[in-house]
Amino acid sequence: MKQVLVIVKPFLAERVLEAIADLQVDTLAVHEVKGYGRQKSYLDASTEQDRSLAFLPKIEIHCWVKDSQIDHFIDSVSGVARTGRMGDGKLFILPVGEVSE
């Protein structure tokens, strides 16, 4: 089993969640977060403060996916999340050592 952390812009969250609903995902959690990536230098240049603490709103989705489904999951989520613009988001795939129910 793998834990997949998906971070996307808020306007993409519904499309990503719809794609995930069509897959075999047992559990997921959704959080509203703030952060920045490569666009940090752009945010710094656009503020008048010496030290910018500007963060952009993001949606963080945690999913636990069976190993046999991980490639299909990544393809499906990437397909709906990518717009070709900076800040599309990230997918982090982490191994899960043990699951206790």
PDB file of N, CA and C in Angstrom:
ATOM      1  N   MET A   1       0.840  -1.176   0.000  1.00  0.00           N
ATOM      2  CA  MET A   1       0.000   0.000   0.000  1.00  0.00           C
ATOM      3  C   MET A   1       0.884   1.238   0.000  1.00  0.00           C
ATOM      4  N   LYS A   2       0.382   2.289  -0.645  1.00  0.00           N
ATOM      5  CA  LYS A   2       1.091   3.566  -0.721  1.00  0.00           C
ATOM      6  C   LYS A   2       0.184   4.676  -0.196  1.00  0.00           C
ATOM      7  N   GLN A   3       0.812   5.666   0.405  1.00  0.00           N
ATOM      8  CA  GLN A   3       0.100   6.890   0.744  1.00  0.00           C
ATOM      9  C   GLN A   3       0.445   7.897  -0.340  1.00  0.00           C
ATOM     10  N   VAL A   4      -0.568   8.500  -0.928  1.00  0.00           N
ATOM     11  CA  VAL A   4      -0.361   9.512  -1.960  1.00  0.00           C
ATOM     12  C   VAL A   4      -0.846  10.838  -1.407  1.00  0.00           C
ATOM     13  N   LEU A   5       0.019  11.814  -1.467  1.00  0.00           N
ATOM     14  CA  LEU A   5      -0.306  13.173  -1.040  1.00  0.00           C
ATOM     15  C   LEU A   5      -0.423  14.014  -2.309  1.00  0.00           C
ATOM     16  N   VAL A   6      -1.591  14.549  -2.552  1.00  0.00           N
ATOM     17  CA  VAL A   6      -1.866  15.359  -3.736  1.00  0.00           C
ATOM     18  C   VAL A   6      -2.086  16.791  -3.266  1.00  0.00           C
ATOM     19  N   ILE A   7      -1.326  17.731  -3.817  1.00  0.00           N
ATOM     20  CA  ILE A   7      -1.498  19.146  -3.484  1.00  0.00           C
ATOM     21  C   ILE A   7      -1.843  19.885  -4.774  1.00  0.00           C
ATOM     22  N   VAL A   8      -3.021  20.513  -4.791  1.00  0.00           N
ATOM     23  CA  VAL A   8      -3.493  21.191  -5.997  1.00  0.00           C
ATOM     24  C   VAL A   8      -4.101  22.546  -5.640  1.00  0.00           C
ATOM     25  N   LYS A   9      -4.308  23.348  -6.674  1.00  0.00           N
ATOM     26  CA  LYS A   9      -5.005  24.617  -6.503  1.00  0.00           C
ATOM     27  C   LYS A   9      -6.474  24.332  -6.191  1.00  0.00           C
ATOM     28  N   PRO A  10      -7.118  25.220  -5.426  1.00  0.00           N
ATOM     29  CA  PRO A  10      -8.508  24.969  -5.023  1.00  0.00           C
ATOM     30  C   PRO A  10      -9.475  24.730  -6.184  1.00  0.00           C
ATOM     31  N   PHE A  11      -9.314  25.422  -7.299  1.00  0.00           N
ATOM     32  CA  PHE A  11     -10.261  25.248  -8.395  1.00  0.00           C
ATOM     33  C   PHE A  11     -10.129  23.885  -9.077  1.00  0.00           C
ATOM     34  N   LEU A  12      -9.024  23.172  -8.824  1.00  0.00           N
ATOM     35  CA  LEU A  12      -8.838  21.832  -9.389  1.00  0.00           C
ATOM     36  C   LEU A  12      -9.290  20.722  -8.444  1.00  0.00           C
ATOM     37  N   ALA A  13      -9.552  21.051  -7.198  1.00  0.00           N
ATOM     38  CA  ALA A  13      -9.837  20.033  -6.189  1.00  0.00           C
ATOM     39  C   ALA A  13     -11.051  19.180  -6.539  1.00  0.00           C
ATOM     40  N   GLU A  14     -12.118  19.788  -6.983  1.00  0.00           N
ATOM     41  CA  GLU A  14     -13.323  19.020  -7.294  1.00  0.00           C
ATOM     42  C   GLU A  14     -13.078  18.029  -8.425  1.00  0.00           C
ATOM     43  N   ARG A  15     -12.372  18.461  -9.465  1.00  0.00           N
ATOM     44  CA  ARG A  15     -12.054  17.548 -10.580  1.00  0.00           C
ATOM     45  C   ARG A  15     -11.184  16.392 -10.117  1.00  0.00           C
ATOM     46  N   VAL A  16     -10.207  16.687  -9.258  1.00  0.00           N
ATOM     47  CA  VAL A  16      -9.328  15.635  -8.737  1.00  0.00           C
ATOM     48  C   VAL A  16     -10.126  14.660  -7.877  1.00  0.00           C
ATOM     49  N   LEU A  17     -10.987  15.177  -7.017  1.00  0.00           N
ATOM     50  CA  LEU A  17     -11.793  14.310  -6.163  1.00  0.00           C
ATOM     51  C   LEU A  17     -12.763  13.451  -6.970  1.00  0.00           C
ATOM     52  N   GLU A  18     -13.295  13.988  -8.059  1.00  0.00           N
ATOM     53  CA  GLU A  18     -14.157  13.192  -8.935  1.00  0.00           C
ATOM     54  C   GLU A  18     -13.373  12.058  -9.587  1.00  0.00           C
ATOM     55  N   ALA A  19     -12.136  12.348 -10.008  1.00  0.00           N
ATOM     56  CA  ALA A  19     -11.289  11.298 -10.600  1.00  0.00           C
ATOM     57  C   ALA A  19     -10.963  10.229  -9.566  1.00  0.00           C
ATOM     58  N   ILE A  20     -10.682  10.643  -8.340  1.00  0.00           N
ATOM     59  CA  ILE A  20     -10.370   9.694  -7.272  1.00  0.00           C
ATOM     60  C   ILE A  20     -11.587   8.832  -6.940  1.00  0.00           C
ATOM     61  N   ALA A  21     -12.782   9.417  -6.997  1.00  0.00           N
ATOM     62  CA  ALA A  21     -14.010   8.665  -6.693  1.00  0.00           C
ATOM     63  C   ALA A  21     -14.207   7.508  -7.666  1.00  0.00           C
ATOM     64  N   ASP A  22     -13.710   7.641  -8.888  1.00  0.00           N
ATOM     65  CA  ASP A  22     -13.840   6.580  -9.889  1.00  0.00           C
ATOM     66  C   ASP A  22     -12.815   5.464  -9.699  1.00  0.00           C
ATOM     67  N   LEU A  23     -11.843   5.665  -8.804  1.00  0.00           N
ATOM     68  CA  LEU A  23     -10.781   4.688  -8.571  1.00  0.00           C
ATOM     69  C   LEU A  23     -11.072   3.886  -7.308  1.00  0.00           C
ATOM     70  N   GLN A  24     -10.287   2.838  -7.107  1.00  0.00           N
ATOM     71  CA  GLN A  24     -10.465   2.000  -5.917  1.00  0.00           C
ATOM     72  C   GLN A  24      -9.604   2.544  -4.780  1.00  0.00           C
ATOM     73  N   VAL A  25     -10.110   3.562  -4.121  1.00  0.00           N
ATOM     74  CA  VAL A  25      -9.414   4.170  -2.990  1.00  0.00           C
ATOM     75  C   VAL A  25     -10.264   3.922  -1.751  1.00  0.00           C
ATOM     76  N   ASP A  26      -9.669   3.290  -0.754  1.00  0.00           N
ATOM     77  CA  ASP A  26     -10.404   2.949   0.453  1.00  0.00           C
ATOM     78  C   ASP A  26     -10.610   4.149   1.374  1.00  0.00           C
ATOM     79  N   THR A  27      -9.592   4.990   1.500  1.00  0.00           N
ATOM     80  CA  THR A  27      -9.627   6.074   2.475  1.00  0.00           C
ATOM     81  C   THR A  27      -8.983   7.320   1.895  1.00  0.00           C
ATOM     82  N   LEU A  28      -9.537   8.476   2.229  1.00  0.00           N
ATOM     83  CA  LEU A  28      -8.880   9.729   1.862  1.00  0.00           C
ATOM     84  C   LEU A  28      -9.242  10.801   2.863  1.00  0.00           C
ATOM     85  N   ALA A  29      -8.399  11.810   2.924  1.00  0.00           N
ATOM     86  CA  ALA A  29      -8.618  12.969   3.787  1.00  0.00           C
ATOM     87  C   ALA A  29      -8.297  14.219   2.976  1.00  0.00           C
ATOM     88  N   VAL A  30      -9.060  15.286   3.201  1.00  0.00           N
ATOM     89  CA  VAL A  30      -8.888  16.534   2.463  1.00  0.00           C
ATOM     90  C   VAL A  30      -8.675  17.670   3.463  1.00  0.00           C
ATOM     91  N   HIS A  31      -7.674  18.519   3.169  1.00  0.00           N
ATOM     92  CA  HIS A  31      -7.354  19.644   4.036  1.00  0.00           C
ATOM     93  C   HIS A  31      -7.166  20.902   3.189  1.00  0.00           C
ATOM     94  N   GLU A  32      -7.582  22.043   3.729  1.00  0.00           N
ATOM     95  CA  GLU A  32      -7.245  23.326   3.122  1.00  0.00           C
ATOM     96  C   GLU A  32      -5.926  23.765   3.731  1.00  0.00           C
ATOM     97  N   VAL A  33      -4.955  24.086   2.877  1.00  0.00           N
ATOM     98  CA  VAL A  33      -3.634  24.503   3.346  1.00  0.00           C
ATOM     99  C   VAL A  33      -3.202  25.737   2.580  1.00  0.00           C
ATOM    100  N   LYS A  34      -2.087  26.334   2.987  1.00  0.00           N
ATOM    101  CA  LYS A  34      -1.492  27.459   2.270  1.00  0.00           C
ATOM    102  C   LYS A  34      -0.018  27.149   2.066  1.00  0.00           C
ATOM    103  N   GLY A  35       0.524  27.575   0.944  1.00  0.00           N
ATOM    104  CA  GLY A  35       1.933  27.331   0.698  1.00  0.00           C
ATOM    105  C   GLY A  35       2.379  27.971  -0.600  1.00  0.00           C
ATOM    106  N   TYR A  36       3.591  27.662  -0.969  1.00  0.00           N
ATOM    107  CA  TYR A  36       4.137  28.157  -2.227  1.00  0.00           C
ATOM    108  C   TYR A  36       5.135  27.150  -2.756  1.00  0.00           C
ATOM    109  N   GLY A  37       5.417  27.252  -4.034  1.00  0.00           N
ATOM    110  CA  GLY A  37       6.400  26.398  -4.685  1.00  0.00           C
ATOM    111  C   GLY A  37       7.326  27.262  -5.510  1.00  0.00           C
ATOM    112  N   ARG A  38       7.431  26.950  -6.794  1.00  0.00           N
ATOM    113  CA  ARG A  38       8.320  27.716  -7.665  1.00  0.00           C
ATOM    114  C   ARG A  38       7.874  29.157  -7.837  1.00  0.00           C
ATOM    115  N   GLN A  39       6.624  29.471  -7.591  1.00  0.00           N
ATOM    116  CA  GLN A  39       6.137  30.832  -7.764  1.00  0.00           C
ATOM    117  C   GLN A  39       6.527  31.751  -6.618  1.00  0.00           C
ATOM    118  N   LYS A  40       7.297  31.266  -5.632  1.00  0.00           N
ATOM    119  CA  LYS A  40       7.710  32.071  -4.477  1.00  0.00           C
ATOM    120  C   LYS A  40       8.389  33.365  -4.902  1.00  0.00           C
ATOM    121  N   SER A  41       9.318  33.301  -5.854  1.00  0.00           N
ATOM    122  CA  SER A  41      10.018  34.514  -6.279  1.00  0.00           C
ATOM    123  C   SER A  41       9.040  35.528  -6.880  1.00  0.00           C
ATOM    124  N   TYR A  42       8.024  35.047  -7.569  1.00  0.00           N
ATOM    125  CA  TYR A  42       6.999  35.933  -8.112  1.00  0.00           C
ATOM    126  C   TYR A  42       6.231  36.606  -6.981  1.00  0.00           C
ATOM    127  N   LEU A  43       5.882  35.847  -5.940  1.00  0.00           N
ATOM    128  CA  LEU A  43       5.151  36.422  -4.805  1.00  0.00           C
ATOM    129  C   LEU A  43       5.990  37.477  -4.098  1.00  0.00           C
ATOM    130  N   ASP A  44       7.288  37.196  -3.901  1.00  0.00           N
ATOM    131  CA  ASP A  44       8.170  38.158  -3.237  1.00  0.00           C
ATOM    132  C   ASP A  44       8.274  39.453  -4.029  1.00  0.00           C
ATOM    133  N   ALA A  45       8.364  39.360  -5.342  1.00  0.00           N
ATOM    134  CA  ALA A  45       8.522  40.542  -6.179  1.00  0.00           C
ATOM    135  C   ALA A  45       7.255  41.389  -6.203  1.00  0.00           C
ATOM    136  N   SER A  46       6.114  40.763  -5.929  1.00  0.00           N
ATOM    137  CA  SER A  46       4.856  41.496  -6.038  1.00  0.00           C
ATOM    138  C   SER A  46       4.449  42.196  -4.742  1.00  0.00           C
ATOM    139  N   THR A  47       5.214  42.037  -3.668  1.00  0.00           N
ATOM    140  CA  THR A  47       4.859  42.693  -2.415  1.00  0.00           C
ATOM    141  C   THR A  47       5.859  43.803  -2.115  1.00  0.00           C
ATOM    142  N   GLU A  48       5.428  44.736  -1.284  1.00  0.00           N
ATOM    143  CA  GLU A  48       6.284  45.859  -0.937  1.00  0.00           C
ATOM    144  C   GLU A  48       7.090  45.605   0.327  1.00  0.00           C
ATOM    145  N   GLN A  49       6.820  44.527   1.025  1.00  0.00           N
ATOM    146  CA  GLN A  49       7.527  44.237   2.260  1.00  0.00           C
ATOM    147  C   GLN A  49       8.906  43.668   1.972  1.00  0.00           C
ATOM    148  N   ASP A  50       9.838  43.894   2.910  1.00  0.00           N
ATOM    149  CA  ASP A  50      11.172  43.316   2.757  1.00  0.00           C
ATOM    150  C   ASP A  50      11.133  41.797   2.801  1.00  0.00           C
ATOM    151  N   ARG A  51      10.314  41.264   3.681  1.00  0.00           N
ATOM    152  CA  ARG A  51      10.197  39.815   3.805  1.00  0.00           C
ATOM    153  C   ARG A  51       8.744  39.426   3.615  1.00  0.00           C
ATOM    154  N   SER A  52       8.484  38.748   2.532  1.00  0.00           N
ATOM    155  CA  SER A  52       7.125  38.370   2.209  1.00  0.00           C
ATOM    156  C   SER A  52       6.745  37.071   2.901  1.00  0.00           C
ATOM    157  N   LEU A  53       5.565  37.062   3.484  1.00  0.00           N
ATOM    158  CA  LEU A  53       5.004  35.838   4.033  1.00  0.00           C
ATOM    159  C   LEU A  53       3.749  35.465   3.259  1.00  0.00           C
ATOM    160  N   ALA A  54       3.727  35.785   1.975  1.00  0.00           N
ATOM    161  CA  ALA A  54       2.569  35.507   1.139  1.00  0.00           C
ATOM    162  C   ALA A  54       2.507  34.022   0.812  1.00  0.00           C
ATOM    163  N   PHE A  55       1.375  33.436   1.061  1.00  0.00           N
ATOM    164  CA  PHE A  55       1.141  32.036   0.731  1.00  0.00           C
ATOM    165  C   PHE A  55      -0.112  31.943  -0.120  1.00  0.00           C
ATOM    166  N   LEU A  56      -0.136  30.970  -0.999  1.00  0.00           N
ATOM    167  CA  LEU A  56      -1.295  30.748  -1.849  1.00  0.00           C
ATOM    168  C   LEU A  56      -2.156  29.632  -1.273  1.00  0.00           C
ATOM    169  N   PRO A  57      -3.475  29.726  -1.427  1.00  0.00           N
ATOM    170  CA  PRO A  57      -4.337  28.648  -0.943  1.00  0.00           C
ATOM    171  C   PRO A  57      -4.149  27.397  -1.791  1.00  0.00           C
ATOM    172  N   LYS A  58      -4.133  26.254  -1.139  1.00  0.00           N
ATOM    173  CA  LYS A  58      -3.995  24.954  -1.804  1.00  0.00           C
ATOM    174  C   LYS A  58      -4.943  23.971  -1.132  1.00  0.00           C
ATOM    175  N   ILE A  59      -5.206  22.873  -1.803  1.00  0.00           N
ATOM    176  CA  ILE A  59      -5.965  21.764  -1.239  1.00  0.00           C
ATOM    177  C   ILE A  59      -5.031  20.562  -1.181  1.00  0.00           C
ATOM    178  N   GLU A  60      -4.988  19.933  -0.017  1.00  0.00           N
ATOM    179  CA  GLU A  60      -4.130  18.772   0.207  1.00  0.00           C
ATOM    180  C   GLU A  60      -5.029  17.550   0.384  1.00  0.00           C
ATOM    181  N   ILE A  61      -4.800  16.539  -0.455  1.00  0.00           N
ATOM    182  CA  ILE A  61      -5.603  15.322  -0.420  1.00  0.00           C
ATOM    183  C   ILE A  61      -4.676  14.156  -0.101  1.00  0.00           C
ATOM    184  N   HIS A  62      -4.965  13.456   0.989  1.00  0.00           N
ATOM    185  CA  HIS A  62      -4.212  12.261   1.372  1.00  0.00           C
ATOM    186  C   HIS A  62      -5.026  11.044   0.973  1.00  0.00           C
ATOM    187  N   CYS A  63      -4.424  10.133   0.225  1.00  0.00           N
ATOM    188  CA  CYS A  63      -5.098   8.906  -0.183  1.00  0.00           C
ATOM    189  C   CYS A  63      -4.216   7.714   0.155  1.00  0.00           C
ATOM    190  N   TRP A  64      -4.853   6.593   0.424  1.00  0.00           N
ATOM    191  CA  TRP A  64      -4.136   5.342   0.630  1.00  0.00           C
ATOM    192  C   TRP A  64      -4.572   4.409  -0.473  1.00  0.00           C
ATOM    193  N   VAL A  65      -3.597   4.008  -1.302  1.00  0.00           N
ATOM    194  CA  VAL A  65      -3.887   3.291  -2.547  1.00  0.00           C
ATOM    195  C   VAL A  65      -3.153   1.953  -2.538  1.00  0.00           C
ATOM    196  N   LYS A  66      -3.836   0.913  -3.016  1.00  0.00           N
ATOM    197  CA  LYS A  66      -3.206  -0.403  -3.134  1.00  0.00           C
ATOM    198  C   LYS A  66      -2.082  -0.340  -4.159  1.00  0.00           C
ATOM    199  N   ASP A  67      -1.022  -1.111  -3.912  1.00  0.00           N
ATOM    200  CA  ASP A  67       0.135  -1.114  -4.813  1.00  0.00           C
ATOM    201  C   ASP A  67      -0.258  -1.417  -6.253  1.00  0.00           C
ATOM    202  N   SER A  68      -1.215  -2.323  -6.445  1.00  0.00           N
ATOM    203  CA  SER A  68      -1.622  -2.709  -7.796  1.00  0.00           C
ATOM    204  C   SER A  68      -2.357  -1.592  -8.532  1.00  0.00           C
ATOM    205  N   GLN A  69      -2.848  -0.586  -7.809  1.00  0.00           N
ATOM    206  CA  GLN A  69      -3.614   0.502  -8.415  1.00  0.00           C
ATOM    207  C   GLN A  69      -2.843   1.808  -8.539  1.00  0.00           C
ATOM    208  N   ILE A  70      -1.613   1.845  -8.035  1.00  0.00           N
ATOM    209  CA  ILE A  70      -0.902   3.123  -7.923  1.00  0.00           C
ATOM    210  C   ILE A  70      -0.628   3.781  -9.275  1.00  0.00           C
ATOM    211  N   ASP A  71      -0.207   3.011 -10.275  1.00  0.00           N
ATOM    212  CA  ASP A  71       0.078   3.610 -11.591  1.00  0.00           C
ATOM    213  C   ASP A  71      -1.175   4.204 -12.215  1.00  0.00           C
ATOM    214  N   HIS A  72      -2.276   3.490 -12.132  1.00  0.00           N
ATOM    215  CA  HIS A  72      -3.544   3.990 -12.681  1.00  0.00           C
ATOM    216  C   HIS A  72      -3.998   5.239 -11.927  1.00  0.00           C
ATOM    217  N   PHE A  73      -3.807   5.236 -10.606  1.00  0.00           N
ATOM    218  CA  PHE A  73      -4.160   6.390  -9.776  1.00  0.00           C
ATOM    219  C   PHE A  73      -3.376   7.624 -10.217  1.00  0.00           C
ATOM    220  N   ILE A  74      -2.064   7.471 -10.346  1.00  0.00           N
ATOM    221  CA  ILE A  74      -1.208   8.603 -10.726  1.00  0.00           C
ATOM    222  C   ILE A  74      -1.594   9.137 -12.103  1.00  0.00           C
ATOM    223  N   ASP A  75      -1.813   8.252 -13.058  1.00  0.00           N
ATOM    224  CA  ASP A  75      -2.210   8.687 -14.401  1.00  0.00           C
ATOM    225  C   ASP A  75      -3.536   9.445 -14.381  1.00  0.00           C
ATOM    226  N   SER A  76      -4.496   8.931 -13.642  1.00  0.00           N
ATOM    227  CA  SER A  76      -5.822   9.560 -13.592  1.00  0.00           C
ATOM    228  C   SER A  76      -5.778  10.936 -12.936  1.00  0.00           C
ATOM    229  N   VAL A  77      -5.104  11.024 -11.796  1.00  0.00           N
ATOM    230  CA  VAL A  77      -5.049  12.301 -11.081  1.00  0.00           C
ATOM    231  C   VAL A  77      -4.216  13.317 -11.852  1.00  0.00           C
ATOM    232  N   SER A  78      -3.088  12.896 -12.381  1.00  0.00           N
ATOM    233  CA  SER A  78      -2.248  13.816 -13.170  1.00  0.00           C
ATOM    234  C   SER A  78      -2.995  14.342 -14.380  1.00  0.00           C
ATOM    235  N   GLY A  79      -3.782  13.481 -15.000  1.00  0.00           N
ATOM    236  CA  GLY A  79      -4.523  13.882 -16.189  1.00  0.00           C
ATOM    237  C   GLY A  79      -5.509  15.014 -15.952  1.00  0.00           C
ATOM    238  N   VAL A  80      -6.142  15.029 -14.793  1.00  0.00           N
ATOM    239  CA  VAL A  80      -7.114  16.098 -14.514  1.00  0.00           C
ATOM    240  C   VAL A  80      -6.496  17.286 -13.791  1.00  0.00           C
ATOM    241  N   ALA A  81      -5.350  17.092 -13.140  1.00  0.00           N
ATOM    242  CA  ALA A  81      -4.758  18.169 -12.339  1.00  0.00           C
ATOM    243  C   ALA A  81      -3.820  19.073 -13.132  1.00  0.00           C
ATOM    244  N   ARG A  82      -3.267  18.588 -14.211  1.00  0.00           N
ATOM    245  CA  ARG A  82      -2.284  19.387 -14.949  1.00  0.00           C
ATOM    246  C   ARG A  82      -2.952  20.358 -15.901  1.00  0.00           C
ATOM    247  N   THR A  83      -2.592  21.627 -15.750  1.00  0.00           N
ATOM    248  CA  THR A  83      -3.090  22.660 -16.659  1.00  0.00           C
ATOM    249  C   THR A  83      -1.979  23.193 -17.550  1.00  0.00           C
ATOM    250  N   GLY A  84      -0.726  22.863 -17.203  1.00  0.00           N
ATOM    251  CA  GLY A  84       0.407  23.371 -17.958  1.00  0.00           C
ATOM    252  C   GLY A  84       0.942  24.685 -17.419  1.00  0.00           C
ATOM    253  N   ARG A  85       0.326  25.176 -16.355  1.00  0.00           N
ATOM    254  CA  ARG A  85       0.783  26.441 -15.763  1.00  0.00           C
ATOM    255  C   ARG A  85       1.550  26.165 -14.480  1.00  0.00           C
ATOM    256  N   MET A  86       2.362  27.140 -14.078  1.00  0.00           N
ATOM    257  CA  MET A  86       3.138  27.032 -12.849  1.00  0.00           C
ATOM    258  C   MET A  86       2.189  26.897 -11.654  1.00  0.00           C
ATOM    259  N   GLY A  87       2.550  26.022 -10.720  1.00  0.00           N
ATOM    260  CA  GLY A  87       1.750  25.853  -9.516  1.00  0.00           C
ATOM    261  C   GLY A  87       0.642  24.839  -9.631  1.00  0.00           C
ATOM    262  N   ASP A  88       0.701  23.970 -10.652  1.00  0.00           N
ATOM    263  CA  ASP A  88      -0.327  22.940 -10.819  1.00  0.00           C
ATOM    264  C   ASP A  88      -0.432  22.036  -9.604  1.00  0.00           C
ATOM    265  N   GLY A  89       0.664  21.808  -8.923  1.00  0.00           N
ATOM    266  CA  GLY A  89       0.616  20.979  -7.736  1.00  0.00           C
ATOM    267  C   GLY A  89       1.624  19.844  -7.791  1.00  0.00           C
ATOM    268  N   LYS A  90       1.551  19.003  -6.795  1.00  0.00           N
ATOM    269  CA  LYS A  90       2.505  17.897  -6.663  1.00  0.00           C
ATOM    270  C   LYS A  90       1.772  16.640  -6.231  1.00  0.00           C
ATOM    271  N   LEU A  91       2.364  15.490  -6.592  1.00  0.00           N
ATOM    272  CA  LEU A  91       1.948  14.198  -6.071  1.00  0.00           C
ATOM    273  C   LEU A  91       3.153  13.591  -5.382  1.00  0.00           C
ATOM    274  N   PHE A  92       2.983  13.228  -4.134  1.00  0.00           N
ATOM    275  CA  PHE A  92       4.034  12.569  -3.371  1.00  0.00           C
ATOM    276  C   PHE A  92       3.561  11.156  -3.077  1.00  0.00           C
ATOM    277  N   ILE A  93       4.374  10.166  -3.406  1.00  0.00           N
ATOM    278  CA  ILE A  93       4.030   8.769  -3.179  1.00  0.00           C
ATOM    279  C   ILE A  93       4.944   8.228  -2.087  1.00  0.00           C
ATOM    280  N   LEU A  94       4.337   7.790  -0.980  1.00  0.00           N
ATOM    281  CA  LEU A  94       5.084   7.332   0.180  1.00  0.00           C
ATOM    282  C   LEU A  94       4.739   5.869   0.480  1.00  0.00           C
ATOM    283  N   PRO A  95       5.708   5.065   0.850  1.00  0.00           N
ATOM    284  CA  PRO A  95       5.407   3.676   1.212  1.00  0.00           C
ATOM    285  C   PRO A  95       4.698   3.632   2.577  1.00  0.00           C
ATOM    286  N   VAL A  96       3.809   2.671   2.715  1.00  0.00           N
ATOM    287  CA  VAL A  96       3.119   2.455   3.993  1.00  0.00           C
ATOM    288  C   VAL A  96       3.623   1.121   4.533  1.00  0.00           C
ATOM    289  N   GLY A  97       4.255   1.169   5.700  1.00  0.00           N
ATOM    290  CA  GLY A  97       4.844  -0.039   6.270  1.00  0.00           C
ATOM    291  C   GLY A  97       3.821  -1.016   6.799  1.00  0.00           C
ATOM    292  N   GLU A  98       2.848  -0.513   7.526  1.00  0.00           N
ATOM    293  CA  GLU A  98       1.880  -1.405   8.167  1.00  0.00           C
ATOM    294  C   GLU A  98       0.577  -0.654   8.383  1.00  0.00           C
ATOM    295  N   VAL A  99      -0.543  -1.350   8.229  1.00  0.00           N
ATOM    296  CA  VAL A  99      -1.844  -0.761   8.456  1.00  0.00           C
ATOM    297  C   VAL A  99      -2.545  -1.571   9.536  1.00  0.00           C
ATOM    298  N   SER A 100      -3.001  -0.897  10.569  1.00  0.00           N
ATOM    299  CA  SER A 100      -3.702  -1.573  11.653  1.00  0.00           C
ATOM    300  C   SER A 100      -5.140  -1.111  11.653  1.00  0.00           C
ATOM    301  N   GLU A 101      -6.076  -2.035  11.707  1.00  0.00           N
ATOM    302  CA  GLU A 101      -7.493  -1.670  11.711  1.00  0.00           C
ATOM    303  C   GLU A 101      -8.130  -1.972  13.033  1.00  0.00           C
TER     304      GLU A 101
END
